[in-house]
Amino acid sequence: HIPKTIDNDLLCNDHTPGYGSAARFVA
């Protein structure tokens, strides 16, 4: 499995690919 989610809610991760860019859009 290769992690991806803009919700940043995957366990075992400090953060998840997809979140940083979606968070940038929100900001």
PDB file of all heavy atoms in Angstrom:
ATOM      1  N   HIS A   1       0.849  -1.186   0.000  1.00  0.00           N
ATOM      2  CA  HIS A   1       0.000   0.000   0.000  1.00  0.00           C
ATOM      3  C   HIS A   1       0.884   1.235   0.000  1.00  0.00           C
ATOM      4  O   HIS A   1       1.866   1.314   0.749  1.00  0.00           O
ATOM      5  CB  HIS A   1      -0.891  -0.008   1.252  1.00  0.00           C
ATOM      6  CG  HIS A   1      -1.586   1.271   1.527  1.00  0.00           C
ATOM      7  ND1 HIS A   1      -1.256   2.090   2.595  1.00  0.00           N
ATOM      8  CD2 HIS A   1      -2.602   1.894   0.877  1.00  0.00           C
ATOM      9  CE1 HIS A   1      -2.045   3.143   2.599  1.00  0.00           C
ATOM     10  NE2 HIS A   1      -2.869   3.050   1.571  1.00  0.00           N
ATOM     11  N   ILE A   2       0.540   2.195  -0.864  1.00  0.00           N
ATOM     12  CA  ILE A   2       1.252   3.474  -0.931  1.00  0.00           C
ATOM     13  C   ILE A   2       0.312   4.546  -0.390  1.00  0.00           C
ATOM     14  O   ILE A   2      -0.782   4.745  -0.918  1.00  0.00           O
ATOM     15  CB  ILE A   2       1.679   3.787  -2.383  1.00  0.00           C
ATOM     16  CG1 ILE A   2       2.616   2.692  -2.898  1.00  0.00           C
ATOM     17  CG2 ILE A   2       2.355   5.154  -2.457  1.00  0.00           C
ATOM     18  CD1 ILE A   2       2.963   2.813  -4.381  1.00  0.00           C
ATOM     19  N   PRO A   3       0.685   5.249   0.693  1.00  0.00           N
ATOM     20  CA  PRO A   3      -0.271   6.114   1.407  1.00  0.00           C
ATOM     21  C   PRO A   3      -0.656   7.379   0.643  1.00  0.00           C
ATOM     22  O   PRO A   3       0.170   8.002  -0.013  1.00  0.00           O
ATOM     23  CB  PRO A   3       0.480   6.462   2.702  1.00  0.00           C
ATOM     24  CG  PRO A   3       1.923   6.371   2.319  1.00  0.00           C
ATOM     25  CD  PRO A   3       2.013   5.261   1.327  1.00  0.00           C
ATOM     26  N   LYS A   4      -1.928   7.731   0.764  1.00  0.00           N
ATOM     27  CA  LYS A   4      -2.479   8.955   0.188  1.00  0.00           C
ATOM     28  C   LYS A   4      -3.764   9.304   0.916  1.00  0.00           C
ATOM     29  O   LYS A   4      -4.632   8.461   1.070  1.00  0.00           O
ATOM     30  CB  LYS A   4      -2.768   8.751  -1.297  1.00  0.00           C
ATOM     31  CG  LYS A   4      -3.450   9.903  -2.016  1.00  0.00           C
ATOM     32  CD  LYS A   4      -4.961  10.029  -1.878  1.00  0.00           C
ATOM     33  CE  LYS A   4      -5.742   8.777  -1.927  1.00  0.00           C
ATOM     34  NZ  LYS A   4      -7.222   9.045  -1.615  1.00  0.00           N
ATOM     35  N   THR A   5      -3.892  10.515   1.410  1.00  0.00           N
ATOM     36  CA  THR A   5      -5.180  11.028   1.867  1.00  0.00           C
ATOM     37  C   THR A   5      -5.040  12.490   2.247  1.00  0.00           C
ATOM     38  O   THR A   5      -4.107  12.856   2.957  1.00  0.00           O
ATOM     39  CB  THR A   5      -5.762  10.253   3.063  1.00  0.00           C
ATOM     40  OG1 THR A   5      -6.924  10.928   3.529  1.00  0.00           O
ATOM     41  CG2 THR A   5      -4.783  10.115   4.202  1.00  0.00           C
ATOM     42  N   ILE A   6      -5.946  13.320   1.766  1.00  0.00           N
ATOM     43  CA  ILE A   6      -5.894  14.733   2.138  1.00  0.00           C
ATOM     44  C   ILE A   6      -6.368  14.930   3.566  1.00  0.00           C
ATOM     45  O   ILE A   6      -6.084  15.962   4.179  1.00  0.00           O
ATOM     46  CB  ILE A   6      -6.721  15.608   1.176  1.00  0.00           C
ATOM     47  CG1 ILE A   6      -8.216  15.338   1.309  1.00  0.00           C
ATOM     48  CG2 ILE A   6      -6.263  15.422  -0.263  1.00  0.00           C
ATOM     49  CD1 ILE A   6      -9.082  16.339   0.566  1.00  0.00           C
ATOM     50  N   ASP A   7      -7.059  13.941   4.123  1.00  0.00           N
ATOM     51  CA  ASP A   7      -7.556  14.058   5.501  1.00  0.00           C
ATOM     52  C   ASP A   7      -6.443  13.918   6.535  1.00  0.00           C
ATOM     53  O   ASP A   7      -6.636  14.269   7.698  1.00  0.00           O
ATOM     54  CB  ASP A   7      -8.621  13.005   5.778  1.00  0.00           C
ATOM     55  CG  ASP A   7      -9.894  13.248   4.989  1.00  0.00           C
ATOM     56  OD1 ASP A   7     -10.214  14.421   4.734  1.00  0.00           O
ATOM     57  OD2 ASP A   7     -10.562  12.270   4.614  1.00  0.00           O
ATOM     58  N   ASN A   8      -5.310  13.359   6.138  1.00  0.00           N
ATOM     59  CA  ASN A   8      -4.158  13.196   7.032  1.00  0.00           C
ATOM     60  C   ASN A   8      -4.484  12.292   8.216  1.00  0.00           C
ATOM     61  O   ASN A   8      -3.985  12.492   9.328  1.00  0.00           O
ATOM     62  CB  ASN A   8      -3.685  14.564   7.545  1.00  0.00           C
ATOM     63  CG  ASN A   8      -2.256  14.520   8.070  1.00  0.00           C
ATOM     64  OD1 ASN A   8      -1.414  13.796   7.554  1.00  0.00           O
ATOM     65  ND2 ASN A   8      -1.986  15.306   9.093  1.00  0.00           N
ATOM     66  N   ASP A   9      -5.309  11.277   7.988  1.00  0.00           N
ATOM     67  CA  ASP A   9      -5.799  10.474   9.114  1.00  0.00           C
ATOM     68  C   ASP A   9      -5.286   9.030   9.119  1.00  0.00           C
ATOM     69  O   ASP A   9      -5.846   8.180   9.817  1.00  0.00           O
ATOM     70  CB  ASP A   9      -7.330  10.473   9.135  1.00  0.00           C
ATOM     71  CG  ASP A   9      -7.946   9.916   7.853  1.00  0.00           C
ATOM     72  OD1 ASP A   9      -7.198   9.579   6.919  1.00  0.00           O
ATOM     73  OD2 ASP A   9      -9.187   9.823   7.788  1.00  0.00           O
ATOM     74  N   LEU A  10      -4.219   8.732   8.368  1.00  0.00           N
ATOM     75  CA  LEU A  10      -3.671   7.379   8.390  1.00  0.00           C
ATOM     76  C   LEU A  10      -2.847   7.147   9.646  1.00  0.00           C
ATOM     77  O   LEU A  10      -2.005   7.970  10.013  1.00  0.00           O
ATOM     78  CB  LEU A  10      -2.784   7.130   7.164  1.00  0.00           C
ATOM     79  CG  LEU A  10      -3.480   6.885   5.825  1.00  0.00           C
ATOM     80  CD1 LEU A  10      -2.443   6.524   4.768  1.00  0.00           C
ATOM     81  CD2 LEU A  10      -4.524   5.797   5.921  1.00  0.00           C
ATOM     82  N   LEU A  11      -3.078   6.034  10.291  1.00  0.00           N
ATOM     83  CA  LEU A  11      -2.273   5.654  11.447  1.00  0.00           C
ATOM     84  C   LEU A  11      -0.836   5.367  11.019  1.00  0.00           C
ATOM     85  O   LEU A  11      -0.560   5.118   9.848  1.00  0.00           O
ATOM     86  CB  LEU A  11      -2.883   4.426  12.114  1.00  0.00           C
ATOM     87  CG  LEU A  11      -4.261   4.617  12.755  1.00  0.00           C
ATOM     88  CD1 LEU A  11      -4.843   3.274  13.180  1.00  0.00           C
ATOM     89  CD2 LEU A  11      -4.177   5.560  13.947  1.00  0.00           C
ATOM     90  N   CYS A  12       0.071   5.380  11.983  1.00  0.00           N
ATOM     91  CA  CYS A  12       1.489   5.040  11.788  1.00  0.00           C
ATOM     92  C   CYS A  12       2.263   6.096  10.998  1.00  0.00           C
ATOM     93  O   CYS A  12       3.424   5.882  10.661  1.00  0.00           O
ATOM     94  CB  CYS A  12       1.670   3.688  11.086  1.00  0.00           C
ATOM     95  SG  CYS A  12       0.894   2.305  11.918  1.00  0.00           S
ATOM     96  N   ASN A  13       1.626   7.232  10.692  1.00  0.00           N
ATOM     97  CA  ASN A  13       2.287   8.278   9.919  1.00  0.00           C
ATOM     98  C   ASN A  13       2.257   9.610  10.665  1.00  0.00           C
ATOM     99  O   ASN A  13       1.255   9.952  11.291  1.00  0.00           O
ATOM    100  CB  ASN A  13       1.585   8.471   8.573  1.00  0.00           C
ATOM    101  CG  ASN A  13       1.852   7.348   7.603  1.00  0.00           C
ATOM    102  OD1 ASN A  13       2.822   7.384   6.850  1.00  0.00           O
ATOM    103  ND2 ASN A  13       0.999   6.326   7.615  1.00  0.00           N
ATOM    104  N   ASP A  14       3.362  10.368  10.545  1.00  0.00           N
ATOM    105  CA  ASP A  14       3.346  11.743  11.048  1.00  0.00           C
ATOM    106  C   ASP A  14       2.388  12.577  10.204  1.00  0.00           C
ATOM    107  O   ASP A  14       1.642  13.409  10.719  1.00  0.00           O
ATOM    108  CB  ASP A  14       4.753  12.341  10.989  1.00  0.00           C
ATOM    109  CG  ASP A  14       4.777  13.804  11.397  1.00  0.00           C
ATOM    110  OD1 ASP A  14       4.741  14.068  12.608  1.00  0.00           O
ATOM    111  OD2 ASP A  14       4.806  14.666  10.489  1.00  0.00           O
ATOM    112  N   HIS A  15       2.398  12.346   8.904  1.00  0.00           N
ATOM    113  CA  HIS A  15       1.477  12.992   7.971  1.00  0.00           C
ATOM    114  C   HIS A  15       1.444  12.157   6.700  1.00  0.00           C
ATOM    115  O   HIS A  15       2.262  11.259   6.509  1.00  0.00           O
ATOM    116  CB  HIS A  15       1.901  14.433   7.672  1.00  0.00           C
ATOM    117  CG  HIS A  15       3.296  14.553   7.127  1.00  0.00           C
ATOM    118  ND1 HIS A  15       4.413  14.540   7.933  1.00  0.00           N
ATOM    119  CD2 HIS A  15       3.762  14.652   5.858  1.00  0.00           C
ATOM    120  CE1 HIS A  15       5.511  14.646   7.190  1.00  0.00           C
ATOM    121  NE2 HIS A  15       5.131  14.714   5.922  1.00  0.00           N
ATOM    122  N   THR A  16       0.499  12.454   5.838  1.00  0.00           N
ATOM    123  CA  THR A  16       0.258  11.607   4.679  1.00  0.00           C
ATOM    124  C   THR A  16       0.331  12.421   3.393  1.00  0.00           C
ATOM    125  O   THR A  16      -0.215  13.527   3.335  1.00  0.00           O
ATOM    126  CB  THR A  16      -1.139  10.965   4.776  1.00  0.00           C
ATOM    127  OG1 THR A  16      -1.287  10.376   6.066  1.00  0.00           O
ATOM    128  CG2 THR A  16      -1.322   9.894   3.715  1.00  0.00           C
ATOM    129  N   PRO A  17       0.980  11.899   2.345  1.00  0.00           N
ATOM    130  CA  PRO A  17       0.985  12.615   1.059  1.00  0.00           C
ATOM    131  C   PRO A  17      -0.425  12.959   0.596  1.00  0.00           C
ATOM    132  O   PRO A  17      -1.339  12.140   0.672  1.00  0.00           O
ATOM    133  CB  PRO A  17       1.648  11.605   0.115  1.00  0.00           C
ATOM    134  CG  PRO A  17       2.568  10.821   0.996  1.00  0.00           C
ATOM    135  CD  PRO A  17       1.812  10.677   2.296  1.00  0.00           C
ATOM    136  N   GLY A  18      -0.580  14.172   0.116  1.00  0.00           N
ATOM    137  CA  GLY A  18      -1.889  14.689  -0.266  1.00  0.00           C
ATOM    138  C   GLY A  18      -2.367  15.744   0.705  1.00  0.00           C
ATOM    139  O   GLY A  18      -3.020  16.719   0.305  1.00  0.00           O
ATOM    140  N   TYR A  19      -2.021  15.572   1.980  1.00  0.00           N
ATOM    141  CA  TYR A  19      -2.481  16.526   2.987  1.00  0.00           C
ATOM    142  C   TYR A  19      -1.832  17.896   2.815  1.00  0.00           C
ATOM    143  O   TYR A  19      -2.517  18.929   2.836  1.00  0.00           O
ATOM    144  CB  TYR A  19      -2.193  16.005   4.391  1.00  0.00           C
ATOM    145  CG  TYR A  19      -2.411  17.055   5.459  1.00  0.00           C
ATOM    146  CD1 TYR A  19      -3.687  17.531   5.727  1.00  0.00           C
ATOM    147  CD2 TYR A  19      -1.335  17.594   6.178  1.00  0.00           C
ATOM    148  CE1 TYR A  19      -3.896  18.512   6.692  1.00  0.00           C
ATOM    149  CE2 TYR A  19      -1.536  18.572   7.142  1.00  0.00           C
ATOM    150  CZ  TYR A  19      -2.812  19.030   7.390  1.00  0.00           C
ATOM    151  OH  TYR A  19      -3.015  20.009   8.328  1.00  0.00           O
ATOM    152  N   GLY A  20      -0.521  17.941   2.645  1.00  0.00           N
ATOM    153  CA  GLY A  20       0.184  19.221   2.579  1.00  0.00           C
ATOM    154  C   GLY A  20      -0.337  20.125   1.485  1.00  0.00           C
ATOM    155  O   GLY A  20      -0.463  21.348   1.676  1.00  0.00           O
ATOM    156  N   SER A  21      -0.669  19.558   0.330  1.00  0.00           N
ATOM    157  CA  SER A  21      -1.153  20.359  -0.792  1.00  0.00           C
ATOM    158  C   SER A  21      -2.587  20.816  -0.568  1.00  0.00           C
ATOM    159  O   SER A  21      -2.938  21.968  -0.859  1.00  0.00           O
ATOM    160  CB  SER A  21      -1.049  19.550  -2.089  1.00  0.00           C
ATOM    161  OG  SER A  21       0.300  19.243  -2.373  1.00  0.00           O
ATOM    162  N   ALA A  22      -3.445  19.930  -0.060  1.00  0.00           N
ATOM    163  CA  ALA A  22      -4.821  20.324   0.237  1.00  0.00           C
ATOM    164  C   ALA A  22      -4.836  21.376   1.349  1.00  0.00           C
ATOM    165  O   ALA A  22      -5.635  22.333   1.308  1.00  0.00           O
ATOM    166  CB  ALA A  22      -5.643  19.105   0.643  1.00  0.00           C
ATOM    167  N   ALA A  23      -3.953  21.213   2.340  1.00  0.00           N
ATOM    168  CA  ALA A  23      -3.862  22.192   3.426  1.00  0.00           C
ATOM    169  C   ALA A  23      -3.388  23.542   2.898  1.00  0.00           C
ATOM    170  O   ALA A  23      -3.837  24.598   3.367  1.00  0.00           O
ATOM    171  CB  ALA A  23      -2.916  21.681   4.508  1.00  0.00           C
ATOM    172  N   ARG A  24      -2.495  23.512   1.926  1.00  0.00           N
ATOM    173  CA  ARG A  24      -2.024  24.751   1.302  1.00  0.00           C
ATOM    174  C   ARG A  24      -3.178  25.458   0.590  1.00  0.00           C
ATOM    175  O   ARG A  24      -3.326  26.683   0.669  1.00  0.00           O
ATOM    176  CB  ARG A  24      -0.895  24.445   0.331  1.00  0.00           C
ATOM    177  CG  ARG A  24      -0.296  25.665  -0.355  1.00  0.00           C
ATOM    178  CD  ARG A  24       0.893  25.257  -1.219  1.00  0.00           C
ATOM    179  NE  ARG A  24       1.328  26.360  -2.068  1.00  0.00           N
ATOM    180  CZ  ARG A  24       2.105  27.353  -1.668  1.00  0.00           C
ATOM    181  NH1 ARG A  24       2.547  27.364  -0.417  1.00  0.00           N
ATOM    182  NH2 ARG A  24       2.449  28.316  -2.492  1.00  0.00           N
ATOM    183  N   PHE A  25      -4.007  24.679  -0.110  1.00  0.00           N
ATOM    184  CA  PHE A  25      -5.181  25.266  -0.761  1.00  0.00           C
ATOM    185  C   PHE A  25      -6.102  25.905   0.276  1.00  0.00           C
ATOM    186  O   PHE A  25      -6.577  27.035   0.094  1.00  0.00           O
ATOM    187  CB  PHE A  25      -5.964  24.206  -1.544  1.00  0.00           C
ATOM    188  CG  PHE A  25      -7.308  24.682  -2.009  1.00  0.00           C
ATOM    189  CD1 PHE A  25      -7.428  25.384  -3.186  1.00  0.00           C
ATOM    190  CD2 PHE A  25      -8.441  24.474  -1.232  1.00  0.00           C
ATOM    191  CE1 PHE A  25      -8.666  25.859  -3.606  1.00  0.00           C
ATOM    192  CE2 PHE A  25      -9.678  24.942  -1.632  1.00  0.00           C
ATOM    193  CZ  PHE A  25      -9.792  25.638  -2.827  1.00  0.00           C
ATOM    194  N   VAL A  26      -6.376  25.186   1.365  1.00  0.00           N
ATOM    195  CA  VAL A  26      -7.268  25.705   2.405  1.00  0.00           C
ATOM    196  C   VAL A  26      -6.727  27.013   2.972  1.00  0.00           C
ATOM    197  O   VAL A  26      -7.465  28.000   3.129  1.00  0.00           O
ATOM    198  CB  VAL A  26      -7.463  24.661   3.523  1.00  0.00           C
ATOM    199  CG1 VAL A  26      -8.108  25.288   4.748  1.00  0.00           C
ATOM    200  CG2 VAL A  26      -8.305  23.498   3.016  1.00  0.00           C
ATOM    201  N   ALA A  27      -5.425  27.042   3.281  1.00  0.00           N
ATOM    202  CA  ALA A  27      -4.831  28.248   3.860  1.00  0.00           C
ATOM    203  C   ALA A  27      -4.936  29.429   2.900  1.00  0.00           C
ATOM    204  O   ALA A  27      -5.277  30.549   3.314  1.00  0.00           O
ATOM    205  CB  ALA A  27      -3.369  27.984   4.225  1.00  0.00           C
TER     206      ALA A  27
END
